[in-house]
Amino acid sequence: MQASSLSLGSTKLLLLKPLLIFQHISHFSYAFKVCLRFLIAIVGGYFFTAVSCSLLSAILPLNKADAVLMSVSLSILIYTLVFIYAFYVKSLKTVWISILLATAAQLILLALIKGWV
């Protein structure tokens, strides 16, 4: 009788152990999600801003030097807005998809304008 209750008690302990591990994983998951937001904000924001600068300098109706100066000046604003956006949106998947798709769309548009395609 005592052997069966010991077996039952160890079964309960084995069933509760994954729940305790889940608490640690959820904390790790939160920290990991914050790191992923920083990654897309820094790296994705850099590429988004670089492509935006190139595209703006190509389409602004100014002479070449003024268009480049204007786009570089606007790059600080663009990078800041992308960084804020990365932490403003609740869904991490939405942040990644939107920044990567917007960067790709700008790059394709730039390639079409420049005649790279």
C-alpha atoms as a PDB file:
ATOM      1  CA  MET A   1       0.000   0.000   0.000  1.00  0.00           C
ATOM      2  CA  GLN A   2       2.772   2.361   0.864  1.00  0.00           C
ATOM      3  CA  ALA A   3       4.608   1.540  -2.363  1.00  0.00           C
ATOM      4  CA  SER A   4       1.574   2.496  -4.431  1.00  0.00           C
ATOM      5  CA  SER A   5       1.120   5.818  -2.585  1.00  0.00           C
ATOM      6  CA  LEU A   6       4.825   6.564  -3.079  1.00  0.00           C
ATOM      7  CA  SER A   7       4.422   5.836  -6.763  1.00  0.00           C
ATOM      8  CA  LEU A   8       1.356   8.076  -6.888  1.00  0.00           C
ATOM      9  CA  GLY A   9       3.223  10.861  -5.048  1.00  0.00           C
ATOM     10  CA  SER A  10       6.178  10.660  -7.428  1.00  0.00           C
ATOM     11  CA  THR A  11       3.760  10.767 -10.362  1.00  0.00           C
ATOM     12  CA  LYS A  12       2.246  13.981  -8.999  1.00  0.00           C
ATOM     13  CA  LEU A  13       5.730  15.397  -8.588  1.00  0.00           C
ATOM     14  CA  LEU A  14       6.607  14.456 -12.156  1.00  0.00           C
ATOM     15  CA  LEU A  15       3.420  16.118 -13.395  1.00  0.00           C
ATOM     16  CA  LEU A  16       4.133  19.326 -11.478  1.00  0.00           C
ATOM     17  CA  LYS A  17       7.781  19.573 -12.527  1.00  0.00           C
ATOM     18  CA  PRO A  18       7.051  20.690 -16.145  1.00  0.00           C
ATOM     19  CA  LEU A  19       4.800  23.423 -14.777  1.00  0.00           C
ATOM     20  CA  LEU A  20       7.682  24.772 -12.710  1.00  0.00           C
ATOM     21  CA  ILE A  21       9.950  24.654 -15.737  1.00  0.00           C
ATOM     22  CA  PHE A  22       7.299  26.528 -17.747  1.00  0.00           C
ATOM     23  CA  GLN A  23       7.495  29.417 -15.284  1.00  0.00           C
ATOM     24  CA  HIS A  24      11.232  29.749 -15.954  1.00  0.00           C
ATOM     25  CA  ILE A  25      10.724  29.406 -19.707  1.00  0.00           C
ATOM     26  CA  SER A  26       8.121  32.168 -19.742  1.00  0.00           C
ATOM     27  CA  HIS A  27      10.603  34.503 -18.040  1.00  0.00           C
ATOM     28  CA  PHE A  28      13.293  33.461 -20.506  1.00  0.00           C
ATOM     29  CA  SER A  29      10.836  33.848 -23.339  1.00  0.00           C
ATOM     30  CA  TYR A  30      10.042  37.431 -22.309  1.00  0.00           C
ATOM     31  CA  ALA A  31      13.739  38.340 -22.185  1.00  0.00           C
ATOM     32  CA  PHE A  32      14.279  36.615 -25.537  1.00  0.00           C
ATOM     33  CA  LYS A  33      11.391  38.541 -27.100  1.00  0.00           C
ATOM     34  CA  VAL A  34      12.850  41.819 -25.859  1.00  0.00           C
ATOM     35  CA  CYS A  35      16.212  40.865 -27.378  1.00  0.00           C
ATOM     36  CA  LEU A  36      14.479  40.078 -30.672  1.00  0.00           C
ATOM     37  CA  ARG A  37      12.802  43.487 -30.584  1.00  0.00           C
ATOM     38  CA  PHE A  38      16.177  45.146 -30.037  1.00  0.00           C
ATOM     39  CA  LEU A  39      17.624  43.103 -32.893  1.00  0.00           C
ATOM     40  CA  ILE A  40      14.952  44.163 -35.372  1.00  0.00           C
ATOM     41  CA  ALA A  41      15.062  47.738 -34.076  1.00  0.00           C
ATOM     42  CA  ILE A  42      18.831  48.050 -34.474  1.00  0.00           C
ATOM     43  CA  VAL A  43      19.660  45.850 -37.467  1.00  0.00           C
ATOM     44  CA  GLY A  44      16.330  46.037 -39.277  1.00  0.00           C
ATOM     45  CA  GLY A  45      16.107  49.751 -38.571  1.00  0.00           C
ATOM     46  CA  TYR A  46      19.578  50.254 -40.012  1.00  0.00           C
ATOM     47  CA  PHE A  47      18.751  48.463 -43.273  1.00  0.00           C
ATOM     48  CA  PHE A  48      15.332  50.113 -43.517  1.00  0.00           C
ATOM     49  CA  THR A  49      16.953  53.525 -43.049  1.00  0.00           C
ATOM     50  CA  ALA A  50      19.749  52.797 -45.518  1.00  0.00           C
ATOM     51  CA  VAL A  51      17.334  51.708 -48.229  1.00  0.00           C
ATOM     52  CA  SER A  52      15.037  54.645 -47.450  1.00  0.00           C
ATOM     53  CA  CYS A  53      17.956  57.072 -47.788  1.00  0.00           C
ATOM     54  CA  SER A  54      18.934  55.595 -51.124  1.00  0.00           C
ATOM     55  CA  LEU A  55      15.374  55.678 -52.385  1.00  0.00           C
ATOM     56  CA  LEU A  56      14.780  59.235 -51.204  1.00  0.00           C
ATOM     57  CA  SER A  57      17.976  60.488 -52.801  1.00  0.00           C
ATOM     58  CA  ALA A  58      16.877  58.875 -56.071  1.00  0.00           C
ATOM     59  CA  ILE A  59      13.328  60.254 -56.151  1.00  0.00           C
ATOM     60  CA  LEU A  60      13.616  63.715 -54.586  1.00  0.00           C
ATOM     61  CA  PRO A  61      13.229  66.414 -57.247  1.00  0.00           C
ATOM     62  CA  LEU A  62      16.417  68.226 -56.262  1.00  0.00           C
ATOM     63  CA  ASN A  63      19.904  68.225 -57.685  1.00  0.00           C
ATOM     64  CA  LYS A  64      21.912  65.180 -56.620  1.00  0.00           C
ATOM     65  CA  ALA A  65      23.921  66.770 -53.794  1.00  0.00           C
ATOM     66  CA  ASP A  66      20.878  68.390 -52.196  1.00  0.00           C
ATOM     67  CA  ALA A  67      18.829  65.202 -52.486  1.00  0.00           C
ATOM     68  CA  VAL A  68      21.552  63.208 -50.739  1.00  0.00           C
ATOM     69  CA  LEU A  69      21.887  65.807 -47.967  1.00  0.00           C
ATOM     70  CA  MET A  70      18.131  65.901 -47.468  1.00  0.00           C
ATOM     71  CA  SER A  71      17.824  62.105 -47.319  1.00  0.00           C
ATOM     72  CA  VAL A  72      20.727  61.803 -44.882  1.00  0.00           C
ATOM     73  CA  SER A  73      19.142  64.457 -42.689  1.00  0.00           C
ATOM     74  CA  LEU A  74      15.845  62.582 -42.746  1.00  0.00           C
ATOM     75  CA  SER A  75      17.587  59.299 -41.937  1.00  0.00           C
ATOM     76  CA  ILE A  76      17.859  60.240 -38.255  1.00  0.00           C
ATOM     77  CA  LEU A  77      14.103  60.708 -38.099  1.00  0.00           C
ATOM     78  CA  ILE A  78      13.425  57.496 -40.035  1.00  0.00           C
ATOM     79  CA  TYR A  79      15.712  55.391 -37.814  1.00  0.00           C
ATOM     80  CA  THR A  80      14.149  56.823 -34.672  1.00  0.00           C
ATOM     81  CA  LEU A  81      10.632  56.097 -35.906  1.00  0.00           C
ATOM     82  CA  VAL A  82      11.519  52.505 -36.824  1.00  0.00           C
ATOM     83  CA  PHE A  83      13.095  51.998 -33.392  1.00  0.00           C
ATOM     84  CA  ILE A  84       9.987  53.332 -31.650  1.00  0.00           C
ATOM     85  CA  TYR A  85       7.755  51.231 -33.912  1.00  0.00           C
ATOM     86  CA  ALA A  86       9.631  48.052 -32.967  1.00  0.00           C
ATOM     87  CA  PHE A  87       8.589  48.496 -29.345  1.00  0.00           C
ATOM     88  CA  TYR A  88       5.187  50.085 -29.935  1.00  0.00           C
ATOM     89  CA  VAL A  89       3.505  47.194 -31.740  1.00  0.00           C
ATOM     90  CA  LYS A  90       2.419  44.351 -29.447  1.00  0.00           C
ATOM     91  CA  SER A  91       2.967  41.454 -31.847  1.00  0.00           C
ATOM     92  CA  LEU A  92       6.609  40.597 -32.418  1.00  0.00           C
ATOM     93  CA  LYS A  93       5.728  38.744 -35.602  1.00  0.00           C
ATOM     94  CA  THR A  94       3.999  41.832 -36.983  1.00  0.00           C
ATOM     95  CA  VAL A  95       7.057  43.967 -36.262  1.00  0.00           C
ATOM     96  CA  TRP A  96       9.426  41.585 -38.035  1.00  0.00           C
ATOM     97  CA  ILE A  97       7.179  41.061 -41.035  1.00  0.00           C
ATOM     98  CA  SER A  98       6.329  44.726 -41.515  1.00  0.00           C
ATOM     99  CA  ILE A  99       9.904  46.007 -41.255  1.00  0.00           C
ATOM    100  CA  LEU A 100      11.328  43.283 -43.491  1.00  0.00           C
ATOM    101  CA  LEU A 101       8.578  43.610 -46.114  1.00  0.00           C
ATOM    102  CA  ALA A 102       8.805  47.399 -46.153  1.00  0.00           C
ATOM    103  CA  THR A 103      12.586  47.195 -46.590  1.00  0.00           C
ATOM    104  CA  ALA A 104      12.211  44.652 -49.396  1.00  0.00           C
ATOM    105  CA  ALA A 105       9.536  46.733 -51.125  1.00  0.00           C
ATOM    106  CA  GLN A 106      11.720  49.845 -50.994  1.00  0.00           C
ATOM    107  CA  LEU A 107      14.690  47.875 -52.288  1.00  0.00           C
ATOM    108  CA  ILE A 108      12.667  46.523 -55.219  1.00  0.00           C
ATOM    109  CA  LEU A 109      11.382  50.015 -56.021  1.00  0.00           C
ATOM    110  CA  LEU A 110      14.931  51.382 -55.866  1.00  0.00           C
ATOM    111  CA  ALA A 111      16.149  48.604 -58.153  1.00  0.00           C
ATOM    112  CA  LEU A 112      13.412  49.426 -60.655  1.00  0.00           C
ATOM    113  CA  ILE A 113      14.178  53.152 -60.563  1.00  0.00           C
ATOM    114  CA  LYS A 114      17.931  52.649 -60.917  1.00  0.00           C
ATOM    115  CA  GLY A 115      17.542  50.010 -63.628  1.00  0.00           C
ATOM    116  CA  TRP A 116      19.258  47.215 -61.717  1.00  0.00           C
ATOM    117  CA  VAL A 117      16.561  44.733 -62.705  1.00  0.00           C
END
